[in-house]
Amino acid sequence: MSRVCQLTGKSVMVGNNVSHSNRKTKRKFYPNLVTKKFFVPEEGKFVTLKISTSALRTVNKKGITACIKEAKEKGFLK
């Protein structure tokens, strides 16, 4: 599975390692992803999502149902 948040669409970013002598080599910045199970009361079942920790804070604030609905509208979740 790819390193993409299923709720926000956050993915790997590319940048440079910069040495003391200012030489630059390519590197990747990975999102902080966790696999989490949520209970969706409307469907009456558990859903497992791979989400970023910032999205986890959003779920705690808005609720899982609202977040899943938003992600489906934006096309991040099928």
C-alpha atoms as a PDB file:
ATOM      1  CA  MET A   1       0.000   0.000   0.000  1.00  0.00           C
ATOM      2  CA  SER A   2       1.304   3.467  -0.840  1.00  0.00           C
ATOM      3  CA  ARG A   3       2.245   6.078   1.719  1.00  0.00           C
ATOM      4  CA  VAL A   4      -0.826   8.281   1.300  1.00  0.00           C
ATOM      5  CA  CYS A   5      -3.300   9.438   3.950  1.00  0.00           C
ATOM      6  CA  GLN A   6      -6.756   8.117   3.061  1.00  0.00           C
ATOM      7  CA  LEU A   7      -8.581  11.111   4.551  1.00  0.00           C
ATOM      8  CA  THR A   8      -6.437  14.123   3.605  1.00  0.00           C
ATOM      9  CA  GLY A   9      -4.447  12.835   0.626  1.00  0.00           C
ATOM     10  CA  LYS A  10      -1.102  13.752   2.193  1.00  0.00           C
ATOM     11  CA  SER A  11       1.710  11.915   0.424  1.00  0.00           C
ATOM     12  CA  VAL A  12       5.487  11.752   0.117  1.00  0.00           C
ATOM     13  CA  MET A  13       7.262  15.034  -0.677  1.00  0.00           C
ATOM     14  CA  VAL A  14      10.667  15.353  -2.326  1.00  0.00           C
ATOM     15  CA  GLY A  15      13.431  17.669  -1.169  1.00  0.00           C
ATOM     16  CA  ASN A  16      17.164  17.892  -0.636  1.00  0.00           C
ATOM     17  CA  ASN A  17      19.627  16.772   2.007  1.00  0.00           C
ATOM     18  CA  VAL A  18      21.937  19.751   2.385  1.00  0.00           C
ATOM     19  CA  SER A  19      25.387  19.038   3.776  1.00  0.00           C
ATOM     20  CA  HIS A  20      27.644  21.397   5.706  1.00  0.00           C
ATOM     21  CA  SER A  21      29.486  22.146   2.447  1.00  0.00           C
ATOM     22  CA  ASN A  22      26.074  22.909   0.841  1.00  0.00           C
ATOM     23  CA  ARG A  23      26.041  19.845  -1.442  1.00  0.00           C
ATOM     24  CA  LYS A  24      22.512  18.720  -2.247  1.00  0.00           C
ATOM     25  CA  THR A  25      21.244  15.165  -2.676  1.00  0.00           C
ATOM     26  CA  LYS A  26      17.643  14.094  -3.150  1.00  0.00           C
ATOM     27  CA  ARG A  27      15.619  12.759  -0.208  1.00  0.00           C
ATOM     28  CA  LYS A  28      11.999  12.037   0.679  1.00  0.00           C
ATOM     29  CA  PHE A  29       9.814  13.480   3.403  1.00  0.00           C
ATOM     30  CA  TYR A  30       7.317  10.831   4.511  1.00  0.00           C
ATOM     31  CA  PRO A  31       3.963  11.670   6.121  1.00  0.00           C
ATOM     32  CA  ASN A  32       3.452  10.427   9.684  1.00  0.00           C
ATOM     33  CA  LEU A  33       0.943   7.635   8.985  1.00  0.00           C
ATOM     34  CA  VAL A  34      -0.786   5.302  11.431  1.00  0.00           C
ATOM     35  CA  THR A  35      -3.190   2.433  10.791  1.00  0.00           C
ATOM     36  CA  LYS A  36      -6.286   2.959  12.920  1.00  0.00           C
ATOM     37  CA  LYS A  37      -9.631   1.198  13.332  1.00  0.00           C
ATOM     38  CA  PHE A  38     -12.710   3.398  13.709  1.00  0.00           C
ATOM     39  CA  PHE A  39     -16.245   2.408  14.590  1.00  0.00           C
ATOM     40  CA  VAL A  40     -18.760   4.051  12.266  1.00  0.00           C
ATOM     41  CA  PRO A  41     -22.093   4.114  14.159  1.00  0.00           C
ATOM     42  CA  GLU A  42     -24.212   4.870  11.046  1.00  0.00           C
ATOM     43  CA  GLU A  43     -22.995   1.680   9.331  1.00  0.00           C
ATOM     44  CA  GLY A  44     -22.632  -0.280  12.576  1.00  0.00           C
ATOM     45  CA  LYS A  45     -19.195  -1.634  11.671  1.00  0.00           C
ATOM     46  CA  PHE A  46     -15.475  -0.990  12.036  1.00  0.00           C
ATOM     47  CA  VAL A  47     -13.411   0.668   9.294  1.00  0.00           C
ATOM     48  CA  THR A  48      -9.603   0.418   9.126  1.00  0.00           C
ATOM     49  CA  LEU A  49      -7.891   3.485   7.666  1.00  0.00           C
ATOM     50  CA  LYS A  50      -4.273   4.473   7.074  1.00  0.00           C
ATOM     51  CA  ILE A  51      -4.280   8.137   8.091  1.00  0.00           C
ATOM     52  CA  SER A  52      -1.824  10.847   9.097  1.00  0.00           C
ATOM     53  CA  THR A  53      -1.639  11.907  12.730  1.00  0.00           C
ATOM     54  CA  SER A  54      -2.882  15.375  11.796  1.00  0.00           C
ATOM     55  CA  ALA A  55      -5.964  13.737  10.236  1.00  0.00           C
ATOM     56  CA  LEU A  56      -6.419  11.780  13.472  1.00  0.00           C
ATOM     57  CA  ARG A  57      -6.719  15.096  15.323  1.00  0.00           C
ATOM     58  CA  THR A  58      -9.316  16.218  12.771  1.00  0.00           C
ATOM     59  CA  VAL A  59     -11.302  12.994  13.311  1.00  0.00           C
ATOM     60  CA  ASN A  60     -11.276  13.644  17.055  1.00  0.00           C
ATOM     61  CA  LYS A  61     -12.606  17.153  16.430  1.00  0.00           C
ATOM     62  CA  LYS A  62     -15.211  16.611  13.653  1.00  0.00           C
ATOM     63  CA  GLY A  63     -16.076  12.934  14.012  1.00  0.00           C
ATOM     64  CA  ILE A  64     -15.336   9.978  11.757  1.00  0.00           C
ATOM     65  CA  THR A  65     -18.560  10.209   9.748  1.00  0.00           C
ATOM     66  CA  ALA A  66     -17.972  13.812   8.670  1.00  0.00           C
ATOM     67  CA  CYS A  67     -14.341  13.091   7.786  1.00  0.00           C
ATOM     68  CA  ILE A  68     -15.205  10.036   5.668  1.00  0.00           C
ATOM     69  CA  LYS A  69     -17.900  12.026   3.858  1.00  0.00           C
ATOM     70  CA  GLU A  70     -15.407  14.833   3.070  1.00  0.00           C
ATOM     71  CA  ALA A  71     -12.760  12.369   1.868  1.00  0.00           C
ATOM     72  CA  LYS A  72     -15.253  10.692  -0.488  1.00  0.00           C
ATOM     73  CA  GLU A  73     -16.270  14.083  -1.937  1.00  0.00           C
ATOM     74  CA  LYS A  74     -12.616  14.994  -2.546  1.00  0.00           C
ATOM     75  CA  GLY A  75     -11.889  11.577  -4.061  1.00  0.00           C
ATOM     76  CA  PHE A  76      -9.343  10.371  -1.489  1.00  0.00           C
ATOM     77  CA  LEU A  77     -11.568   7.497  -0.346  1.00  0.00           C
ATOM     78  CA  LYS A  78     -13.717   5.233  -2.493  1.00  0.00           C
END
